[in-house]
Amino acid sequence: MSVHGDALRRTAALLAVALAVAAVVVLAVPRLVVPFYPPGVFGVLVRLKVFFATLAVALLAALFVTYVRLYREVPTGFSRGLVLFTAALLLYAATTNPLVPLLLGFGLFHPIGPFTFLPEVFACVAALVLYYQSNT
């Protein structure tokens, strides 16, 4: 078995699992948290946002685990930077999911809260990690 074929199979399996997780979250979780989606096009856009934010979290979580394993095997500054960068992107993706504020008590009745700016904080951290890595 070639290395590329094995990597392609693992990547396809990860994508299949992540797509399934995102689909389950879109179909099941919002009905438990919020009994309805907004009507019309806005509801479709909210579902798409939840789907892709959940998909990003699932993919970045797998990437984070991979980079942590790499760091344990090869504890270099570069591999540590990969872990930090992926962690920042993972937190960014998690905080952009519309379900997270609802689960933590923000949202419908309190639309302004920390989730207004938290995704950008994590994006800034990710950019700083990359900038630092580029200069070392």
Protein backbone atom coordinates (compact mmCIF):
# COMPACT_ATOMS: atom_id res chain seq x y z
CA MET A 1 0.00 0.00 0.00
CA SER A 2 1.43 3.35 -0.95
CA VAL A 3 1.76 6.14 1.57
CA HIS A 4 -0.30 8.47 -0.63
CA GLY A 5 -3.10 5.92 -1.00
CA ASP A 6 -3.23 5.37 2.76
CA ALA A 7 -3.25 9.13 3.42
CA LEU A 8 -6.02 9.61 0.88
CA ARG A 9 -8.14 6.87 2.48
CA ARG A 10 -7.64 8.33 5.98
CA THR A 11 -8.52 11.80 4.73
CA ALA A 12 -11.65 10.52 2.99
CA ALA A 13 -12.68 8.63 6.14
CA LEU A 14 -12.14 11.74 8.26
CA LEU A 15 -14.22 13.81 5.84
CA ALA A 16 -17.02 11.22 5.89
CA VAL A 17 -17.12 11.16 9.70
CA ALA A 18 -16.94 14.96 9.94
CA LEU A 19 -19.76 15.35 7.39
CA ALA A 20 -21.88 12.87 9.34
CA VAL A 21 -21.24 14.70 12.63
CA ALA A 22 -22.10 18.05 11.05
CA ALA A 23 -25.30 16.64 9.53
CA VAL A 24 -26.39 15.18 12.88
CA VAL A 25 -25.74 18.48 14.62
CA VAL A 26 -27.74 20.43 12.01
CA LEU A 27 -30.65 17.99 12.07
CA ALA A 28 -30.88 17.07 15.76
CA VAL A 29 -29.20 19.50 18.14
CA PRO A 30 -30.98 22.75 17.20
CA ARG A 31 -34.35 21.11 17.78
CA LEU A 32 -33.21 20.30 21.31
CA VAL A 33 -31.75 23.76 21.98
CA VAL A 34 -34.09 25.95 19.92
CA PRO A 35 -37.35 24.34 18.85
CA PHE A 36 -37.36 26.10 15.47
CA TYR A 37 -35.13 27.66 12.88
CA PRO A 38 -35.99 31.11 11.55
CA PRO A 39 -38.31 30.88 8.55
CA GLY A 40 -37.32 31.23 4.92
CA VAL A 41 -33.93 31.96 3.49
CA PHE A 42 -32.56 33.14 6.82
CA GLY A 43 -33.27 29.71 8.33
CA VAL A 44 -31.41 28.00 5.48
CA LEU A 45 -28.44 30.32 6.00
CA VAL A 46 -28.41 29.58 9.74
CA ARG A 47 -28.45 25.83 9.02
CA LEU A 48 -25.57 26.22 6.56
CA LYS A 49 -23.62 28.26 9.12
CA VAL A 50 -24.15 25.58 11.78
CA PHE A 51 -23.22 22.82 9.32
CA PHE A 52 -19.96 24.38 8.11
CA ALA A 53 -18.92 25.62 11.56
CA THR A 54 -19.45 22.11 12.95
CA LEU A 55 -17.60 20.57 10.00
CA ALA A 56 -14.66 22.93 10.59
CA VAL A 57 -14.57 22.03 14.30
CA ALA A 58 -14.54 18.30 13.53
CA LEU A 59 -11.77 18.63 10.92
CA LEU A 60 -9.66 20.95 13.08
CA ALA A 61 -10.07 18.68 16.11
CA ALA A 62 -8.62 15.80 14.08
CA LEU A 63 -5.81 18.03 12.86
CA PHE A 64 -5.13 19.18 16.42
CA VAL A 65 -4.82 15.57 17.60
CA THR A 66 -2.46 14.83 14.70
CA TYR A 67 -0.24 17.82 15.54
CA VAL A 68 -0.18 16.95 19.25
CA ARG A 69 1.03 13.45 18.32
CA LEU A 70 3.66 15.00 16.05
CA TYR A 71 4.79 17.33 18.84
CA ARG A 72 5.13 14.38 21.23
CA GLU A 73 7.31 12.56 18.69
CA VAL A 74 9.29 15.61 17.54
CA PRO A 75 9.11 18.35 20.20
CA THR A 76 10.39 21.26 18.12
CA GLY A 77 9.36 24.88 18.08
CA PHE A 78 7.77 24.39 14.68
CA SER A 79 5.60 21.47 15.79
CA ARG A 80 4.60 23.43 18.93
CA GLY A 81 3.62 26.31 16.64
CA LEU A 82 1.44 23.95 14.59
CA VAL A 83 -0.32 22.85 17.77
CA LEU A 84 -0.91 26.44 18.91
CA PHE A 85 -2.04 27.58 15.47
CA THR A 86 -4.48 24.69 15.12
CA ALA A 87 -5.79 25.26 18.66
CA ALA A 88 -6.48 28.92 17.83
CA LEU A 89 -8.26 27.96 14.59
CA LEU A 90 -10.24 25.30 16.45
CA LEU A 91 -11.39 27.84 19.03
CA TYR A 92 -12.21 30.29 16.23
CA ALA A 93 -14.37 27.71 14.47
CA ALA A 94 -16.06 26.70 17.73
CA THR A 95 -16.95 30.26 18.68
CA THR A 96 -18.38 31.06 15.24
CA ASN A 97 -20.94 28.25 15.52
CA PRO A 98 -24.35 29.85 16.24
CA LEU A 99 -25.23 27.02 18.62
CA VAL A 100 -22.39 27.74 21.07
CA PRO A 101 -23.78 31.06 22.36
CA LEU A 102 -27.20 29.45 22.72
CA LEU A 103 -25.76 26.54 24.69
CA LEU A 104 -23.89 28.96 26.96
CA GLY A 105 -26.86 31.22 27.66
CA PHE A 106 -26.42 33.93 25.05
CA GLY A 107 -28.32 34.34 21.82
CA LEU A 108 -32.06 34.77 21.43
CA PHE A 109 -32.66 37.11 24.35
CA HIS A 110 -29.06 38.34 24.80
CA PRO A 111 -27.67 38.67 21.26
CA ILE A 112 -24.66 40.79 22.26
CA GLY A 113 -22.06 39.01 24.34
CA PRO A 114 -18.54 37.65 24.24
CA PHE A 115 -19.24 35.71 21.04
CA THR A 116 -19.46 39.03 19.25
CA PHE A 117 -15.66 39.37 19.41
CA LEU A 118 -14.22 36.00 20.55
CA PRO A 119 -13.81 34.54 17.04
CA GLU A 120 -11.70 37.52 16.02
CA VAL A 121 -9.55 37.17 19.14
CA PHE A 122 -8.74 33.58 18.16
CA ALA A 123 -8.09 34.62 14.55
CA CYS A 124 -5.61 37.21 15.85
CA VAL A 125 -3.87 34.59 17.98
CA ALA A 126 -3.62 32.27 14.96
CA ALA A 127 -2.15 35.06 12.83
CA LEU A 128 0.38 35.94 15.54
CA VAL A 129 1.48 32.31 15.87
CA LEU A 130 2.02 32.11 12.11
CA TYR A 131 3.88 35.41 12.09
CA TYR A 132 6.13 34.26 14.92
CA GLN A 133 6.79 30.93 13.17
CA SER A 134 7.67 32.77 9.97
CA ASN A 135 10.31 34.82 11.78
CA THR A 136 12.06 31.98 13.63
